[in-house]
């Protein structure tokens, strides 16, 4: 995971889109388009604490989102 830290940071600072996980309340999911092997995105999942701080849950490459995620922000909005 240590080797992933720069990519996780880049995903959190400049994502292509952000989702909320409607199945797991209090989680935000950040996606960054990044060609990693056969996958298309880096997915970073954070849990928002009561103090508005985010805690890293997981980060991994994926080729798509999952059912139950709702897009709340895209880079084109900015």
PDB file of N, CA and C in Angstrom:
ATOM      1  N   UNK A   1       0.830  -1.200   0.000  1.00  0.00           N
ATOM      2  CA  UNK A   1       0.000   0.000   0.000  1.00  0.00           C
ATOM      3  C   UNK A   1       0.864   1.249   0.000  1.00  0.00           C
ATOM      4  N   UNK A   2       2.043   1.197   0.588  1.00  0.00           N
ATOM      5  CA  UNK A   2       2.896   2.371   0.653  1.00  0.00           C
ATOM      6  C   UNK A   2       3.192   2.923  -0.741  1.00  0.00           C
ATOM      7  N   UNK A   3       3.378   2.036  -1.708  1.00  0.00           N
ATOM      8  CA  UNK A   3       3.636   2.473  -3.084  1.00  0.00           C
ATOM      9  C   UNK A   3       2.429   3.157  -3.707  1.00  0.00           C
ATOM     10  N   UNK A   4       1.258   2.915  -3.161  1.00  0.00           N
ATOM     11  CA  UNK A   4       0.033   3.488  -3.688  1.00  0.00           C
ATOM     12  C   UNK A   4      -0.250   4.884  -3.145  1.00  0.00           C
ATOM     13  N   UNK A   5       0.432   5.293  -2.109  1.00  0.00           N
ATOM     14  CA  UNK A   5       0.099   6.567  -1.456  1.00  0.00           C
ATOM     15  C   UNK A   5       0.068   7.766  -2.408  1.00  0.00           C
ATOM     16  N   UNK A   6       1.041   7.949  -3.307  1.00  0.00           N
ATOM     17  CA  UNK A   6       0.944   9.098  -4.221  1.00  0.00           C
ATOM     18  C   UNK A   6      -0.303   9.043  -5.109  1.00  0.00           C
ATOM     19  N   UNK A   7      -0.667   7.844  -5.560  1.00  0.00           N
ATOM     20  CA  UNK A   7      -1.847   7.706  -6.415  1.00  0.00           C
ATOM     21  C   UNK A   7      -3.141   7.910  -5.626  1.00  0.00           C
ATOM     22  N   UNK A   8      -3.179   7.440  -4.391  1.00  0.00           N
ATOM     23  CA  UNK A   8      -4.347   7.669  -3.526  1.00  0.00           C
ATOM     24  C   UNK A   8      -4.494   9.170  -3.265  1.00  0.00           C
ATOM     25  N   UNK A   9      -3.404   9.831  -2.971  1.00  0.00           N
ATOM     26  CA  UNK A   9      -3.438  11.280  -2.722  1.00  0.00           C
ATOM     27  C   UNK A   9      -3.928  12.024  -3.960  1.00  0.00           C
ATOM     28  N   UNK A  10      -3.423  11.652  -5.132  1.00  0.00           N
ATOM     29  CA  UNK A  10      -3.848  12.289  -6.381  1.00  0.00           C
ATOM     30  C   UNK A  10      -5.348  12.077  -6.611  1.00  0.00           C
ATOM     31  N   UNK A  11      -5.836  10.886  -6.308  1.00  0.00           N
ATOM     32  CA  UNK A  11      -7.259  10.581  -6.482  1.00  0.00           C
ATOM     33  C   UNK A  11      -8.118  11.444  -5.563  1.00  0.00           C
ATOM     34  N   UNK A  12      -7.693  11.604  -4.320  1.00  0.00           N
ATOM     35  CA  UNK A  12      -8.467  12.410  -3.368  1.00  0.00           C
ATOM     36  C   UNK A  12      -8.397  13.902  -3.695  1.00  0.00           C
ATOM     37  N   UNK A  13      -7.271  14.364  -4.207  1.00  0.00           N
ATOM     38  CA  UNK A  13      -7.106  15.795  -4.491  1.00  0.00           C
ATOM     39  C   UNK A  13      -7.718  16.219  -5.829  1.00  0.00           C
ATOM     40  N   UNK A  14      -7.772  15.305  -6.791  1.00  0.00           N
ATOM     41  CA  UNK A  14      -8.222  15.680  -8.130  1.00  0.00           C
ATOM     42  C   UNK A  14      -8.985  14.519  -8.796  1.00  0.00           C
ATOM     43  N   UNK A  15     -10.087  14.080  -8.198  1.00  0.00           N
ATOM     44  CA  UNK A  15     -10.823  12.938  -8.759  1.00  0.00           C
ATOM     45  C   UNK A  15     -11.566  13.322 -10.037  1.00  0.00           C
ATOM     46  N   UNK A  16     -11.910  12.319 -10.823  1.00  0.00           N
ATOM     47  CA  UNK A  16     -12.771  12.555 -11.979  1.00  0.00           C
ATOM     48  C   UNK A  16     -14.231  12.613 -11.553  1.00  0.00           C
ATOM     49  N   UNK A  17     -14.593  11.802 -10.549  1.00  0.00           N
ATOM     50  CA  UNK A  17     -15.929  11.918  -9.972  1.00  0.00           C
ATOM     51  C   UNK A  17     -15.945  11.326  -8.566  1.00  0.00           C
ATOM     52  N   UNK A  18     -16.953  11.748  -7.801  1.00  0.00           N
ATOM     53  CA  UNK A  18     -17.131  11.307  -6.423  1.00  0.00           C
ATOM     54  C   UNK A  18     -18.552  10.764  -6.284  1.00  0.00           C
ATOM     55  N   UNK A  19     -18.662   9.658  -5.573  1.00  0.00           N
ATOM     56  CA  UNK A  19     -19.962   9.032  -5.312  1.00  0.00           C
ATOM     57  C   UNK A  19     -20.182   8.919  -3.812  1.00  0.00           C
ATOM     58  N   UNK A  20     -21.435   8.735  -3.449  1.00  0.00           N
ATOM     59  CA  UNK A  20     -21.748   8.285  -2.094  1.00  0.00           C
ATOM     60  C   UNK A  20     -22.183   6.832  -2.219  1.00  0.00           C
ATOM     61  N   UNK A  21     -21.906   6.069  -1.193  1.00  0.00           N
ATOM     62  CA  UNK A  21     -22.319   4.674  -1.154  1.00  0.00           C
ATOM     63  C   UNK A  21     -23.635   4.611  -0.403  1.00  0.00           C
ATOM     64  N   UNK A  22     -24.720   4.407  -1.139  1.00  0.00           N
ATOM     65  CA  UNK A  22     -26.043   4.407  -0.507  1.00  0.00           C
ATOM     66  C   UNK A  22     -26.266   3.184   0.377  1.00  0.00           C
ATOM     67  N   UNK A  23     -25.464   2.133   0.193  1.00  0.00           N
ATOM     68  CA  UNK A  23     -25.581   0.937   1.027  1.00  0.00           C
ATOM     69  C   UNK A  23     -24.820   1.084   2.341  1.00  0.00           C
ATOM     70  N   UNK A  24     -23.780   1.871   2.333  1.00  0.00           N
ATOM     71  CA  UNK A  24     -22.942   2.059   3.531  1.00  0.00           C
ATOM     72  C   UNK A  24     -22.874   3.558   3.818  1.00  0.00           C
ATOM     73  N   UNK A  25     -23.758   4.032   4.637  1.00  0.00           N
ATOM     74  CA  UNK A  25     -23.881   5.461   4.935  1.00  0.00           C
ATOM     75  C   UNK A  25     -22.577   6.020   5.494  1.00  0.00           C
ATOM     76  N   UNK A  26     -22.298   7.272   5.146  1.00  0.00           N
ATOM     77  CA  UNK A  26     -21.113   7.950   5.658  1.00  0.00           C
ATOM     78  C   UNK A  26     -19.854   7.680   4.861  1.00  0.00           C
ATOM     79  N   UNK A  27     -19.991   7.005   3.715  1.00  0.00           N
ATOM     80  CA  UNK A  27     -18.816   6.730   2.884  1.00  0.00           C
ATOM     81  C   UNK A  27     -18.881   7.516   1.591  1.00  0.00           C
ATOM     82  N   UNK A  28     -17.734   8.026   1.191  1.00  0.00           N
ATOM     83  CA  UNK A  28     -17.586   8.649  -0.114  1.00  0.00           C
ATOM     84  C   UNK A  28     -16.587   7.821  -0.905  1.00  0.00           C
ATOM     85  N   UNK A  29     -16.827   7.762  -2.208  1.00  0.00           N
ATOM     86  CA  UNK A  29     -15.996   6.964  -3.092  1.00  0.00           C
ATOM     87  C   UNK A  29     -15.445   7.880  -4.184  1.00  0.00           C
ATOM     88  N   UNK A  30     -14.132   7.968  -4.265  1.00  0.00           N
ATOM     89  CA  UNK A  30     -13.449   8.827  -5.218  1.00  0.00           C
ATOM     90  C   UNK A  30     -12.894   7.968  -6.347  1.00  0.00           C
ATOM     91  N   UNK A  31     -13.077   8.443  -7.584  1.00  0.00           N
ATOM     92  CA  UNK A  31     -12.570   7.726  -8.752  1.00  0.00           C
ATOM     93  C   UNK A  31     -11.649   8.636  -9.556  1.00  0.00           C
ATOM     94  N   UNK A  32     -10.545   8.067  -9.980  1.00  0.00           N
ATOM     95  CA  UNK A  32      -9.608   8.761 -10.859  1.00  0.00           C
ATOM     96  C   UNK A  32      -9.349   7.869 -12.052  1.00  0.00           C
ATOM     97  N   UNK A  33      -9.563   8.412 -13.262  1.00  0.00           N
ATOM     98  CA  UNK A  33      -9.239   7.632 -14.454  1.00  0.00           C
ATOM     99  C   UNK A  33      -7.738   7.414 -14.479  1.00  0.00           C
ATOM    100  N   UNK A  34      -7.351   6.152 -14.557  1.00  0.00           N
ATOM    101  CA  UNK A  34      -5.934   5.807 -14.544  1.00  0.00           C
ATOM    102  C   UNK A  34      -5.797   4.409 -15.126  1.00  0.00           C
ATOM    103  N   UNK A  35      -5.046   4.294 -16.171  1.00  0.00           N
ATOM    104  CA  UNK A  35      -4.882   2.982 -16.803  1.00  0.00           C
ATOM    105  C   UNK A  35      -3.909   2.137 -15.991  1.00  0.00           C
ATOM    106  N   UNK A  36      -4.442   1.283 -15.147  1.00  0.00           N
ATOM    107  CA  UNK A  36      -3.635   0.379 -14.336  1.00  0.00           C
ATOM    108  C   UNK A  36      -3.935  -1.044 -14.794  1.00  0.00           C
ATOM    109  N   UNK A  37      -2.993  -1.613 -15.520  1.00  0.00           N
ATOM    110  CA  UNK A  37      -3.191  -2.940 -16.129  1.00  0.00           C
ATOM    111  C   UNK A  37      -4.468  -2.895 -16.961  1.00  0.00           C
ATOM    112  N   UNK A  38      -5.417  -3.785 -16.726  1.00  0.00           N
ATOM    113  CA  UNK A  38      -6.642  -3.814 -17.529  1.00  0.00           C
ATOM    114  C   UNK A  38      -7.739  -2.938 -16.947  1.00  0.00           C
ATOM    115  N   UNK A  39      -7.501  -2.348 -15.785  1.00  0.00           N
ATOM    116  CA  UNK A  39      -8.530  -1.543 -15.133  1.00  0.00           C
ATOM    117  C   UNK A  39      -8.451  -0.085 -15.595  1.00  0.00           C
ATOM    118  N   UNK A  40      -9.538   0.638 -15.377  1.00  0.00           N
ATOM    119  CA  UNK A  40      -9.635   2.003 -15.860  1.00  0.00           C
ATOM    120  C   UNK A  40      -9.591   3.064 -14.777  1.00  0.00           C
ATOM    121  N   UNK A  41      -9.911   2.714 -13.564  1.00  0.00           N
ATOM    122  CA  UNK A  41     -10.007   3.699 -12.499  1.00  0.00           C
ATOM    123  C   UNK A  41      -9.261   3.237 -11.255  1.00  0.00           C
ATOM    124  N   UNK A  42      -8.829   4.222 -10.480  1.00  0.00           N
ATOM    125  CA  UNK A  42      -8.396   3.980  -9.118  1.00  0.00           C
ATOM    126  C   UNK A  42      -9.575   4.394  -8.255  1.00  0.00           C
ATOM    127  N   UNK A  43      -9.994   3.514  -7.373  1.00  0.00           N
ATOM    128  CA  UNK A  43     -11.144   3.751  -6.496  1.00  0.00           C
ATOM    129  C   UNK A  43     -10.630   3.896  -5.074  1.00  0.00           C
ATOM    130  N   UNK A  44     -10.987   5.010  -4.429  1.00  0.00           N
ATOM    131  CA  UNK A  44     -10.574   5.263  -3.052  1.00  0.00           C
ATOM    132  C   UNK A  44     -11.840   5.473  -2.224  1.00  0.00           C
ATOM    133  N   UNK A  45     -11.984   4.686  -1.169  1.00  0.00           N
ATOM    134  CA  UNK A  45     -13.167   4.749  -0.318  1.00  0.00           C
ATOM    135  C   UNK A  45     -12.773   5.355   1.019  1.00  0.00           C
ATOM    136  N   UNK A  46     -13.507   6.391   1.417  1.00  0.00           N
ATOM    137  CA  UNK A  46     -13.257   6.995   2.725  1.00  0.00           C
ATOM    138  C   UNK A  46     -14.542   6.976   3.540  1.00  0.00           C
ATOM    139  N   UNK A  47     -14.388   6.921   4.836  1.00  0.00           N
ATOM    140  CA  UNK A  47     -15.518   7.026   5.763  1.00  0.00           C
ATOM    141  C   UNK A  47     -15.409   8.368   6.453  1.00  0.00           C
ATOM    142  N   UNK A  48     -16.487   9.113   6.448  1.00  0.00           N
ATOM    143  CA  UNK A  48     -16.502  10.422   7.076  1.00  0.00           C
ATOM    144  C   UNK A  48     -16.838  10.276   8.545  1.00  0.00           C
ATOM    145  N   UNK A  49     -15.988  10.817   9.407  1.00  0.00           N
ATOM    146  CA  UNK A  49     -16.218  10.774  10.842  1.00  0.00           C
ATOM    147  C   UNK A  49     -17.107  11.919  11.289  1.00  0.00           C
ATOM    148  N   UNK A  50     -17.490  11.891  12.542  1.00  0.00           N
ATOM    149  CA  UNK A  50     -18.363  12.928  13.085  1.00  0.00           C
ATOM    150  C   UNK A  50     -17.673  14.284  13.131  1.00  0.00           C
ATOM    151  N   UNK A  51     -16.362  14.300  13.049  1.00  0.00           N
ATOM    152  CA  UNK A  51     -15.602  15.547  13.063  1.00  0.00           C
ATOM    153  C   UNK A  51     -15.269  16.034  11.655  1.00  0.00           C
ATOM    154  N   UNK A  52     -15.970  15.488  10.640  1.00  0.00           N
ATOM    155  CA  UNK A  52     -15.771  15.825   9.234  1.00  0.00           C
ATOM    156  C   UNK A  52     -14.384  15.465   8.711  1.00  0.00           C
ATOM    157  N   UNK A  53     -13.694  14.583   9.388  1.00  0.00           N
ATOM    158  CA  UNK A  53     -12.435  14.056   8.874  1.00  0.00           C
ATOM    159  C   UNK A  53     -12.740  12.757   8.154  1.00  0.00           C
ATOM    160  N   UNK A  54     -11.985  12.496   7.095  1.00  0.00           N
ATOM    161  CA  UNK A  54     -12.156  11.261   6.354  1.00  0.00           C
ATOM    162  C   UNK A  54     -11.110  10.237   6.753  1.00  0.00           C
ATOM    163  N   UNK A  55     -11.536   8.989   6.809  1.00  0.00           N
ATOM    164  CA  UNK A  55     -10.646   7.887   7.151  1.00  0.00           C
ATOM    165  C   UNK A  55     -10.603   6.919   5.980  1.00  0.00           C
ATOM    166  N   UNK A  56      -9.408   6.607   5.520  1.00  0.00           N
ATOM    167  CA  UNK A  56      -9.238   5.715   4.385  1.00  0.00           C
ATOM    168  C   UNK A  56      -9.710   4.309   4.737  1.00  0.00           C
ATOM    169  N   UNK A  57     -10.640   3.794   3.944  1.00  0.00           N
ATOM    170  CA  UNK A  57     -11.142   2.438   4.124  1.00  0.00           C
ATOM    171  C   UNK A  57     -10.396   1.489   3.187  1.00  0.00           C
ATOM    172  N   UNK A  58     -10.301   1.870   1.905  1.00  0.00           N
ATOM    173  CA  UNK A  58      -9.668   0.996   0.926  1.00  0.00           C
ATOM    174  C   UNK A  58      -9.317   1.788  -0.326  1.00  0.00           C
ATOM    175  N   UNK A  59      -8.387   1.253  -1.103  1.00  0.00           N
ATOM    176  CA  UNK A  59      -8.019   1.822  -2.398  1.00  0.00           C
ATOM    177  C   UNK A  59      -7.587   0.674  -3.300  1.00  0.00           C
ATOM    178  N   UNK A  60      -8.118   0.680  -4.530  1.00  0.00           N
ATOM    179  CA  UNK A  60      -7.785  -0.409  -5.447  1.00  0.00           C
ATOM    180  C   UNK A  60      -8.179  -0.035  -6.872  1.00  0.00           C
ATOM    181  N   UNK A  61      -7.607  -0.730  -7.870  1.00  0.00           N
ATOM    182  CA  UNK A  61      -7.997  -0.484  -9.262  1.00  0.00           C
ATOM    183  C   UNK A  61      -9.314  -1.193  -9.568  1.00  0.00           C
ATOM    184  N   UNK A  62     -10.102  -0.606 -10.458  1.00  0.00           N
ATOM    185  CA  UNK A  62     -11.382  -1.205 -10.854  1.00  0.00           C
ATOM    186  C   UNK A  62     -11.726  -0.755 -12.271  1.00  0.00           C
ATOM    187  N   UNK A  63     -12.618  -1.478 -12.902  1.00  0.00           N
ATOM    188  CA  UNK A  63     -13.036  -1.072 -14.240  1.00  0.00           C
ATOM    189  C   UNK A  63     -14.396  -0.388 -14.249  1.00  0.00           C
ATOM    190  N   UNK A  64     -15.074  -0.357 -13.094  1.00  0.00           N
ATOM    191  CA  UNK A  64     -16.354   0.357 -13.016  1.00  0.00           C
ATOM    192  C   UNK A  64     -16.777   0.527 -11.560  1.00  0.00           C
ATOM    193  N   UNK A  65     -17.846   1.299 -11.381  1.00  0.00           N
ATOM    194  CA  UNK A  65     -18.408   1.485 -10.052  1.00  0.00           C
ATOM    195  C   UNK A  65     -19.259   0.294  -9.664  1.00  0.00           C
ATOM    196  N   UNK A  66     -19.951   0.419  -8.533  1.00  0.00           N
ATOM    197  CA  UNK A  66     -20.814  -0.685  -8.101  1.00  0.00           C
ATOM    198  C   UNK A  66     -22.239  -0.186  -7.940  1.00  0.00           C
ATOM    199  N   UNK A  67     -23.163  -1.122  -7.964  1.00  0.00           N
ATOM    200  CA  UNK A  67     -24.564  -0.779  -7.706  1.00  0.00           C
ATOM    201  C   UNK A  67     -24.662  -0.182  -6.312  1.00  0.00           C
ATOM    202  N   UNK A  68     -25.481   0.822  -6.164  1.00  0.00           N
ATOM    203  CA  UNK A  68     -25.655   1.462  -4.867  1.00  0.00           C
ATOM    204  C   UNK A  68     -24.801   2.701  -4.689  1.00  0.00           C
ATOM    205  N   UNK A  69     -23.998   3.043  -5.705  1.00  0.00           N
ATOM    206  CA  UNK A  69     -23.226   4.292  -5.646  1.00  0.00           C
ATOM    207  C   UNK A  69     -23.952   5.357  -6.460  1.00  0.00           C
ATOM    208  N   UNK A  70     -23.993   6.553  -5.914  1.00  0.00           N
ATOM    209  CA  UNK A  70     -24.664   7.670  -6.576  1.00  0.00           C
ATOM    210  C   UNK A  70     -23.653   8.785  -6.775  1.00  0.00           C
ATOM    211  N   UNK A  71     -23.499   9.237  -8.012  1.00  0.00           N
ATOM    212  CA  UNK A  71     -22.542  10.316  -8.313  1.00  0.00           C
ATOM    213  C   UNK A  71     -23.053  11.620  -7.711  1.00  0.00           C
ATOM    214  N   UNK A  72     -22.188  12.284  -6.927  1.00  0.00           N
ATOM    215  CA  UNK A  72     -22.554  13.562  -6.322  1.00  0.00           C
ATOM    216  C   UNK A  72     -21.708  14.712  -6.848  1.00  0.00           C
ATOM    217  N   UNK A  73     -20.614  14.403  -7.570  1.00  0.00           N
ATOM    218  CA  UNK A  73     -19.747  15.440  -8.097  1.00  0.00           C
ATOM    219  C   UNK A  73     -18.955  14.865  -9.260  1.00  0.00           C
ATOM    220  N   UNK A  74     -18.802  15.650 -10.323  1.00  0.00           N
ATOM    221  CA  UNK A  74     -17.910  15.275 -11.421  1.00  0.00           C
ATOM    222  C   UNK A  74     -16.981  16.436 -11.696  1.00  0.00           C
ATOM    223  N   UNK A  75     -15.867  16.123 -12.277  1.00  0.00           N
ATOM    224  CA  UNK A  75     -14.868  17.151 -12.559  1.00  0.00           C
ATOM    225  C   UNK A  75     -15.444  18.234 -13.468  1.00  0.00           C
ATOM    226  N   UNK A  76     -16.363  17.888 -14.332  1.00  0.00           N
ATOM    227  CA  UNK A  76     -16.957  18.896 -15.224  1.00  0.00           C
ATOM    228  C   UNK A  76     -17.785  19.919 -14.472  1.00  0.00           C
ATOM    229  N   UNK A  77     -18.177  19.613 -13.205  1.00  0.00           N
ATOM    230  CA  UNK A  77     -18.924  20.579 -12.395  1.00  0.00           C
ATOM    231  C   UNK A  77     -18.039  21.720 -11.925  1.00  0.00           C
ATOM    232  N   UNK A  78     -16.756  21.524 -11.925  1.00  0.00           N
ATOM    233  CA  UNK A  78     -15.838  22.480 -11.337  1.00  0.00           C
ATOM    234  C   UNK A  78     -15.276  23.423 -12.360  1.00  0.00           C
TER     235      UNK A  78
END
